[in-house]
N, C-alpha and C. Protein backbone atom coordinates (compact mmCIF):
# COMPACT_ATOMS: atom_id res chain seq x y z
N UNK A 1 11.83 50.81 -15.68
CA UNK A 1 11.97 49.30 -15.94
C UNK A 1 10.65 48.75 -15.89
N UNK A 2 10.18 48.25 -16.83
CA UNK A 2 8.61 47.67 -16.85
C UNK A 2 8.58 46.50 -15.87
N UNK A 3 7.77 46.46 -15.19
CA UNK A 3 7.62 45.20 -13.98
C UNK A 3 7.10 44.00 -14.97
N UNK A 4 7.67 42.87 -14.87
CA UNK A 4 7.34 41.52 -15.62
C UNK A 4 5.98 41.17 -15.24
N UNK A 5 5.12 40.89 -15.77
CA UNK A 5 3.86 40.19 -15.52
C UNK A 5 4.07 38.62 -15.38
N UNK A 6 3.67 38.29 -14.20
CA UNK A 6 3.65 36.79 -14.36
C UNK A 6 2.93 35.92 -15.00
N UNK A 7 3.75 34.70 -15.55
CA UNK A 7 2.66 33.88 -16.24
C UNK A 7 1.79 33.12 -15.54
N UNK A 8 0.47 33.08 -16.24
CA UNK A 8 -0.66 32.55 -15.94
C UNK A 8 -0.75 30.94 -15.78
N UNK A 9 -0.55 30.20 -14.82
CA UNK A 9 -0.20 28.89 -14.65
C UNK A 9 -1.19 28.34 -14.62
N UNK A 10 -2.75 28.70 -14.74
CA UNK A 10 -3.56 27.89 -14.66
C UNK A 10 -4.06 27.07 -16.06
N UNK A 11 -4.11 25.80 -16.14
CA UNK A 11 -4.11 24.82 -17.11
C UNK A 11 -5.27 25.50 -18.45
N UNK A 12 -5.06 25.18 -19.23
CA UNK A 12 -6.30 25.40 -20.58
C UNK A 12 -7.43 24.42 -20.16
N UNK A 13 -8.52 24.45 -20.71
CA UNK A 13 -9.74 23.93 -20.43
C UNK A 13 -9.52 22.63 -21.07
N UNK A 14 -9.55 21.43 -20.31
CA UNK A 14 -9.67 20.37 -20.93
C UNK A 14 -7.97 19.62 -21.10
N UNK A 15 -7.23 20.39 -20.27
CA UNK A 15 -5.91 20.11 -19.97
C UNK A 15 -5.63 19.77 -18.60
N UNK A 16 -4.64 19.01 -18.23
CA UNK A 16 -3.93 19.25 -17.03
C UNK A 16 -2.24 19.33 -17.06
N UNK A 17 -1.54 20.00 -16.01
CA UNK A 17 -0.16 19.93 -15.86
C UNK A 17 0.24 18.58 -16.14
N UNK A 18 1.43 18.73 -17.00
CA UNK A 18 2.27 17.40 -17.02
C UNK A 18 2.85 17.06 -15.88
N UNK A 19 2.57 15.81 -15.14
CA UNK A 19 2.96 15.18 -13.94
C UNK A 19 4.12 14.98 -14.38
N UNK A 20 4.76 14.79 -15.49
CA UNK A 20 6.28 14.22 -15.70
C UNK A 20 7.11 15.97 -15.16
N UNK A 21 6.86 16.81 -15.12
CA UNK A 21 7.41 18.03 -14.99
C UNK A 21 7.65 18.80 -16.12
N UNK A 22 6.90 18.43 -17.46
CA UNK A 22 7.31 19.08 -18.65
C UNK A 22 6.71 20.45 -18.70
N UNK A 23 7.28 21.10 -19.38
CA UNK A 23 6.48 22.63 -19.39
C UNK A 23 5.13 22.93 -20.14
N UNK A 24 4.84 21.86 -21.01
CA UNK A 24 3.08 22.25 -21.47
C UNK A 24 2.26 21.09 -20.95
N UNK A 25 1.03 21.55 -20.84
CA UNK A 25 0.17 20.77 -20.72
C UNK A 25 -0.26 19.38 -21.21
N UNK A 26 -0.73 18.65 -20.49
CA UNK A 26 -0.79 17.17 -21.30
C UNK A 26 -2.37 17.03 -21.54
N UNK A 27 -3.19 16.71 -22.49
CA UNK A 27 -4.42 16.98 -22.77
C UNK A 27 -5.23 15.51 -22.02
N UNK A 28 -6.02 15.99 -21.54
CA UNK A 28 -6.80 14.93 -20.91
C UNK A 28 -8.06 14.10 -21.87
N UNK A 29 -8.34 14.65 -22.96
CA UNK A 29 -8.98 14.09 -23.84
C UNK A 29 -8.22 14.26 -25.56
N UNK A 30 -8.85 13.43 -26.28
CA UNK A 30 -8.01 13.50 -27.30
C UNK A 30 -8.36 14.79 -28.36
N UNK A 31 -7.89 15.02 -29.33
CA UNK A 31 -8.06 16.26 -30.21
C UNK A 31 -9.51 16.13 -30.82
N UNK A 32 -10.23 16.80 -30.82
CA UNK A 32 -11.32 16.65 -31.73
C UNK A 32 -11.24 16.24 -33.07
N UNK A 33 -12.02 15.37 -33.45
CA UNK A 33 -11.83 14.42 -35.02
C UNK A 33 -10.95 13.62 -35.19
N UNK A 34 -10.19 12.98 -33.62
CA UNK A 34 -9.49 12.01 -33.84
C UNK A 34 -9.99 10.56 -33.58
N UNK A 35 -11.09 10.92 -32.96
CA UNK A 35 -11.80 9.67 -32.47
C UNK A 35 -13.24 9.37 -33.24
N UNK A 36 -13.39 8.30 -33.80
CA UNK A 36 -14.81 7.87 -34.14
C UNK A 36 -16.23 7.75 -32.99
N UNK A 37 -16.59 8.43 -32.59
CA UNK A 37 -17.23 8.17 -31.34
C UNK A 37 -18.84 7.57 -31.95
N UNK A 38 -19.21 7.31 -33.10
CA UNK A 38 -20.22 6.65 -33.42
C UNK A 38 -19.78 5.19 -33.30
N UNK A 39 -18.37 5.01 -33.62
CA UNK A 39 -18.12 3.54 -33.88
C UNK A 39 -17.39 3.02 -32.20
N UNK A 40 -17.16 4.27 -31.27
CA UNK A 40 -17.15 3.78 -29.97
C UNK A 40 -18.37 3.20 -29.31
N UNK A 41 -19.23 4.09 -29.65
CA UNK A 41 -20.80 3.84 -29.08
C UNK A 41 -21.34 2.57 -29.75
N UNK A 42 -21.08 1.77 -30.67
CA UNK A 42 -21.48 0.60 -31.11
C UNK A 42 -20.43 -0.57 -30.82
N UNK A 43 -19.26 -0.07 -30.07
CA UNK A 43 -18.60 -1.05 -29.44
C UNK A 43 -19.25 -1.75 -28.21
N UNK A 44 -18.98 -3.36 -28.27
CA UNK A 44 -19.86 -4.08 -27.26
C UNK A 44 -19.33 -3.74 -25.90
N UNK A 45 -18.29 -3.30 -25.69
CA UNK A 45 -17.83 -3.15 -24.47
C UNK A 45 -18.51 -1.93 -23.75
N UNK A 46 -18.64 -0.71 -24.55
CA UNK A 46 -18.83 0.48 -24.43
C UNK A 46 -20.62 0.35 -23.98
N UNK A 47 -21.28 -0.50 -24.96
CA UNK A 47 -22.64 -0.81 -24.51
C UNK A 47 -22.82 -1.53 -23.24
N UNK A 48 -21.99 -2.73 -23.02
CA UNK A 48 -22.11 -3.04 -21.81
C UNK A 48 -21.64 -2.13 -20.49
N UNK A 49 -21.17 -1.06 -20.54
CA UNK A 49 -20.71 -0.15 -19.75
C UNK A 49 -21.97 0.34 -19.27
N UNK A 50 -22.35 0.98 -20.28
CA UNK A 50 -23.72 1.58 -20.58
C UNK A 50 -24.89 1.15 -19.51
N UNK A 51 -25.06 -0.09 -20.22
CA UNK A 51 -26.06 -0.91 -19.46
C UNK A 51 -25.87 -1.48 -17.84
N UNK A 52 -24.34 -1.39 -17.73
CA UNK A 52 -24.30 -1.84 -16.10
C UNK A 52 -24.39 -0.48 -15.34
N UNK A 53 -23.88 0.70 -15.86
CA UNK A 53 -24.29 1.85 -15.44
C UNK A 53 -25.83 1.98 -14.97
N UNK A 54 -26.66 1.80 -16.21
CA UNK A 54 -27.69 1.94 -15.93
C UNK A 54 -28.86 1.25 -14.97
N UNK A 55 -28.15 -0.34 -15.15
CA UNK A 55 -28.97 -0.90 -13.97
C UNK A 55 -28.37 -0.78 -12.44
N UNK A 56 -27.52 0.14 -12.50
CA UNK A 56 -27.49 0.25 -10.66
C UNK A 56 -27.86 1.51 -10.89
N UNK A 57 -27.62 2.52 -11.46
CA UNK A 57 -28.09 4.33 -11.52
C UNK A 57 -29.56 4.43 -11.30
N UNK A 58 -30.25 3.49 -12.37
CA UNK A 58 -31.55 3.85 -12.39
C UNK A 58 -32.19 2.88 -11.12
N UNK A 59 -32.41 2.13 -10.82
CA UNK A 59 -32.73 1.52 -9.35
C UNK A 59 -32.52 2.24 -8.03
N UNK A 60 -31.13 2.90 -7.95
CA UNK A 60 -30.73 3.50 -6.76
C UNK A 60 -31.35 4.60 -6.81
N UNK A 61 -31.48 5.58 -7.72
CA UNK A 61 -31.86 6.62 -8.03
C UNK A 61 -33.74 6.63 -7.64
N UNK A 62 -34.03 5.69 -8.04
CA UNK A 62 -35.74 5.50 -8.01
C UNK A 62 -35.92 4.87 -6.22
N UNK A 63 -35.16 4.22 -5.81
CA UNK A 63 -35.29 3.79 -4.35
C UNK A 63 -34.96 5.30 -3.48
N UNK A 64 -33.94 5.71 -3.71
CA UNK A 64 -33.58 7.19 -2.88
C UNK A 64 -34.70 8.16 -3.26
N UNK A 65 -35.34 8.40 -3.93
CA UNK A 65 -36.36 9.43 -4.48
C UNK A 65 -38.10 8.85 -3.60
N UNK A 66 -38.22 7.41 -3.97
CA UNK A 66 -39.33 6.83 -3.03
C UNK A 66 -39.01 6.79 -1.66
N UNK A 67 -37.60 6.39 -1.18
CA UNK A 67 -37.41 6.49 0.31
C UNK A 67 -37.47 7.87 0.88
N UNK A 68 -37.13 8.96 -0.02
CA UNK A 68 -36.96 10.45 0.43
C UNK A 68 -38.39 10.88 0.71
N UNK A 69 -39.20 10.51 -0.35
CA UNK A 69 -40.55 11.04 -0.20
C UNK A 69 -41.64 10.18 0.64
N UNK A 70 -41.11 8.94 1.22
CA UNK A 70 -42.21 8.15 1.95
C UNK A 70 -42.24 9.16 3.62
N UNK A 71 -41.13 9.89 3.79
CA UNK A 71 -41.44 10.36 5.23
C UNK A 71 -42.67 11.36 5.10
N UNK A 72 -42.70 12.26 4.55
CA UNK A 72 -43.82 13.24 4.09
C UNK A 72 -44.97 12.40 3.98
N UNK A 73 -45.53 11.29 3.19
CA UNK A 73 -46.31 10.58 2.71
C UNK A 73 -46.90 9.77 4.04
N UNK A 74 -46.01 9.41 4.91
CA UNK A 74 -46.39 8.54 5.89
C UNK A 74 -46.95 9.27 7.03
N UNK A 75 -46.07 10.68 7.07
CA UNK A 75 -46.57 11.71 8.21
C UNK A 75 -47.74 12.11 7.72
N UNK A 76 -47.93 12.59 6.52
CA UNK A 76 -49.22 12.77 5.92
C UNK A 76 -50.29 12.09 6.17
N UNK A 77 -50.68 10.80 5.90
CA UNK A 77 -51.56 9.88 5.82
C UNK A 77 -51.43 8.77 7.09
N UNK A 78 -50.34 8.65 7.60
CA UNK A 78 -50.35 7.80 9.19
C UNK A 78 -49.91 8.47 10.51
N UNK A 79 -50.51 10.02 10.80
CA UNK A 79 -50.19 10.61 11.58
C UNK A 79 -49.79 10.13 13.03
N UNK A 80 -50.74 9.19 13.30
CA UNK A 80 -50.67 8.55 14.80
C UNK A 80 -49.67 7.22 14.38
N UNK A 81 -49.18 6.87 13.33
CA UNK A 81 -48.10 5.81 13.56
C UNK A 81 -46.66 6.44 13.79
N UNK A 82 -46.62 7.69 12.84
CA UNK A 82 -45.33 8.49 12.83
C UNK A 82 -45.26 9.08 14.05
N UNK A 83 -46.25 9.75 14.83
CA UNK A 83 -45.92 10.09 16.14
C UNK A 83 -45.96 9.45 17.26
N UNK A 84 -46.08 8.12 16.96
CA UNK A 84 -45.90 7.11 18.26
C UNK A 84 -44.30 7.15 18.85
N UNK A 85 -44.37 7.39 20.30
CA UNK A 85 -42.91 7.37 20.75
C UNK A 85 -42.29 6.05 20.47
N UNK A 86 -40.80 6.06 20.08
CA UNK A 86 -40.15 4.94 20.05
C UNK A 86 -39.42 4.79 20.96
N UNK A 87 -38.52 5.65 21.23
CA UNK A 87 -37.28 5.76 22.14
C UNK A 87 -37.52 7.12 23.03
N UNK A 88 -38.29 6.72 24.34
CA UNK A 88 -38.37 8.02 25.00
C UNK A 88 -39.12 9.11 24.03
N UNK A 89 -38.56 10.37 24.06
CA UNK A 89 -39.43 11.18 23.48
C UNK A 89 -39.24 11.38 21.66
N UNK A 90 -38.59 10.36 21.17
CA UNK A 90 -38.20 10.50 19.73
C UNK A 90 -39.26 9.55 19.42
N UNK A 91 -39.90 9.99 18.11
CA UNK A 91 -41.00 9.31 17.74
C UNK A 91 -40.48 8.49 16.33
N UNK A 92 -41.50 7.93 15.67
CA UNK A 92 -41.38 7.35 14.13
C UNK A 92 -40.60 8.07 13.37
N UNK A 93 -41.06 9.42 13.08
CA UNK A 93 -40.99 10.41 12.22
C UNK A 93 -39.27 10.56 12.14
N UNK A 94 -38.87 11.13 13.58
CA UNK A 94 -37.71 11.42 13.70
C UNK A 94 -36.76 10.35 13.07
N UNK A 95 -37.17 9.10 13.67
CA UNK A 95 -36.09 8.01 13.25
C UNK A 95 -36.03 7.58 11.88
N UNK A 96 -37.16 7.90 11.14
CA UNK A 96 -37.36 7.90 9.80
C UNK A 96 -36.42 8.83 9.30
N UNK A 97 -36.48 9.93 9.64
CA UNK A 97 -35.56 11.07 8.93
C UNK A 97 -34.26 10.74 9.11
N UNK A 98 -34.04 10.26 10.25
CA UNK A 98 -32.71 10.05 10.78
C UNK A 98 -32.05 9.07 9.96
N UNK A 99 -32.75 8.17 9.65
CA UNK A 99 -32.41 6.83 8.66
C UNK A 99 -32.21 7.16 7.17
N UNK A 100 -32.91 8.31 6.57
CA UNK A 100 -32.48 8.87 5.77
C UNK A 100 -30.93 9.53 4.99
N UNK A 101 -30.44 9.56 6.33
CA UNK A 101 -29.44 9.97 6.37
C UNK A 101 -27.92 8.76 6.13
N UNK A 102 -28.61 7.69 7.05
CA UNK A 102 -27.64 6.18 6.63
C UNK A 102 -28.05 6.08 5.32
N UNK A 103 -29.35 5.62 4.86
CA UNK A 103 -29.65 5.36 3.47
C UNK A 103 -28.63 6.19 2.43
N UNK A 104 -28.60 7.36 2.77
CA UNK A 104 -27.58 8.31 1.92
C UNK A 104 -26.10 7.66 1.75
N UNK A 105 -25.94 7.76 2.76
CA UNK A 105 -24.39 7.04 3.04
C UNK A 105 -24.18 6.07 2.47
N UNK A 106 -25.09 5.00 2.60
CA UNK A 106 -25.05 3.58 2.27
C UNK A 106 -25.10 3.41 0.56
N UNK A 107 -25.78 4.17 0.35
CA UNK A 107 -25.92 4.30 -1.01
C UNK A 107 -24.76 4.92 -2.14
N UNK A 108 -24.07 5.90 -1.01
CA UNK A 108 -22.84 6.57 -1.74
C UNK A 108 -21.75 5.72 -1.73
N UNK A 109 -21.80 4.52 -0.54
CA UNK A 109 -20.78 3.72 -0.34
C UNK A 109 -20.66 2.76 -1.46
N UNK A 110 -22.15 2.44 -1.61
CA UNK A 110 -22.36 1.10 -2.78
C UNK A 110 -21.50 1.98 -4.31
N UNK A 111 -22.17 3.33 -4.33
CA UNK A 111 -21.61 3.40 -5.82
C UNK A 111 -20.43 3.62 -5.82
N UNK A 112 -19.64 4.06 -4.88
CA UNK A 112 -17.97 4.33 -4.93
C UNK A 112 -17.71 2.64 -5.12
N UNK A 113 -18.29 1.73 -4.74
CA UNK A 113 -17.88 0.35 -4.70
C UNK A 113 -18.04 0.04 -6.25
N UNK A 114 -19.10 0.30 -7.06
CA UNK A 114 -19.37 -0.23 -8.24
C UNK A 114 -18.42 0.76 -9.22
N UNK A 115 -18.34 2.09 -8.64
CA UNK A 115 -17.75 2.93 -9.72
C UNK A 115 -16.45 2.39 -10.12
N UNK A 116 -15.53 1.99 -9.21
CA UNK A 116 -14.32 1.47 -9.32
C UNK A 116 -14.59 0.42 -10.71
N UNK A 117 -15.56 -0.21 -11.04
CA UNK A 117 -15.65 -1.50 -12.01
C UNK A 117 -15.81 -0.67 -13.00
N UNK A 118 -16.86 0.42 -13.17
CA UNK A 118 -17.32 1.07 -14.23
C UNK A 118 -15.90 1.75 -14.49
N UNK A 119 -14.92 2.35 -13.92
CA UNK A 119 -13.87 3.19 -14.20
C UNK A 119 -12.78 2.23 -14.93
N UNK A 120 -12.66 1.06 -14.28
CA UNK A 120 -12.06 -0.13 -15.06
C UNK A 120 -12.17 -0.46 -16.65
N UNK A 121 -13.94 -0.44 -16.46
CA UNK A 121 -14.09 -0.66 -18.14
C UNK A 121 -14.00 0.55 -18.80
N UNK A 122 -14.25 1.98 -18.41
CA UNK A 122 -14.03 2.87 -19.05
C UNK A 122 -12.29 3.12 -19.58
N UNK A 123 -11.48 2.72 -18.75
CA UNK A 123 -10.21 2.79 -19.03
C UNK A 123 -9.94 1.80 -20.01
N UNK A 124 -10.36 0.87 -20.01
CA UNK A 124 -9.92 -0.55 -20.85
C UNK A 124 -10.58 0.15 -22.32
N UNK A 125 -12.06 0.65 -22.30
CA UNK A 125 -12.39 1.26 -23.70
C UNK A 125 -11.54 2.05 -24.37
N UNK A 126 -11.33 3.09 -23.24
CA UNK A 126 -10.44 4.26 -23.56
C UNK A 126 -8.72 3.62 -24.24
N UNK A 127 -8.43 2.79 -23.39
CA UNK A 127 -7.20 2.15 -24.11
C UNK A 127 -7.22 1.64 -25.40
N UNK A 128 -8.33 0.71 -25.62
CA UNK A 128 -8.59 0.26 -26.77
C UNK A 128 -8.62 1.13 -27.97
N UNK A 129 -9.45 2.24 -27.97
CA UNK A 129 -9.80 3.29 -28.76
C UNK A 129 -8.42 3.96 -29.20
N UNK A 130 -7.92 4.57 -28.06
CA UNK A 130 -7.06 5.65 -28.17
C UNK A 130 -5.28 4.88 -28.25
N UNK A 131 -5.57 3.76 -27.76
CA UNK A 131 -4.21 2.80 -27.65
C UNK A 131 -3.92 2.47 -28.73
N UNK A 132 -4.77 1.84 -29.79
CA UNK A 132 -4.63 1.40 -31.04
C UNK A 132 -3.94 2.22 -32.24
N UNK A 133 -4.28 3.53 -31.74
CA UNK A 133 -3.95 4.76 -32.65
C UNK A 133 -2.36 5.08 -31.94
N UNK A 134 -2.16 4.58 -30.81
CA UNK A 134 -0.99 5.30 -30.17
C UNK A 134 -0.79 6.79 -29.90
N UNK A 135 -2.23 7.25 -29.83
CA UNK A 135 -2.14 8.69 -29.17
C UNK A 135 -2.78 8.53 -27.71
N UNK A 136 -2.25 9.72 -27.18
CA UNK A 136 -2.70 10.26 -25.79
C UNK A 136 -2.85 9.31 -24.88
N UNK A 137 -1.79 8.37 -24.80
CA UNK A 137 -1.89 7.07 -23.66
C UNK A 137 -1.79 7.56 -22.16
């Protein structure tokens, strides 16, 4: 008697298991060709979302890069300042390096806070685009 091969339960790409307990996967994305993406890109709501994300992500990224590279620049050009003891044997360079961890955590927390707004805007756009057709709600 041949041994039965277990069914592969891995969802197909772009799908997820049906949370309602159904047997088939539920699409995460609409079928190709069902949405006019050029029209979506022209929607004022979508353009506002892109602008809002740009206004947060670009300055945050620039700040992170400048802050990150400030340490080697300061150590290279101002070694006497950065080697000055601040707290016992801990000097300015060590404190600045430690502050980079806090800066990264703060930026991550700020992004988590604003990303909720981005997610809400994206959900509204998706619902407007797909909900009007009655598809993939």
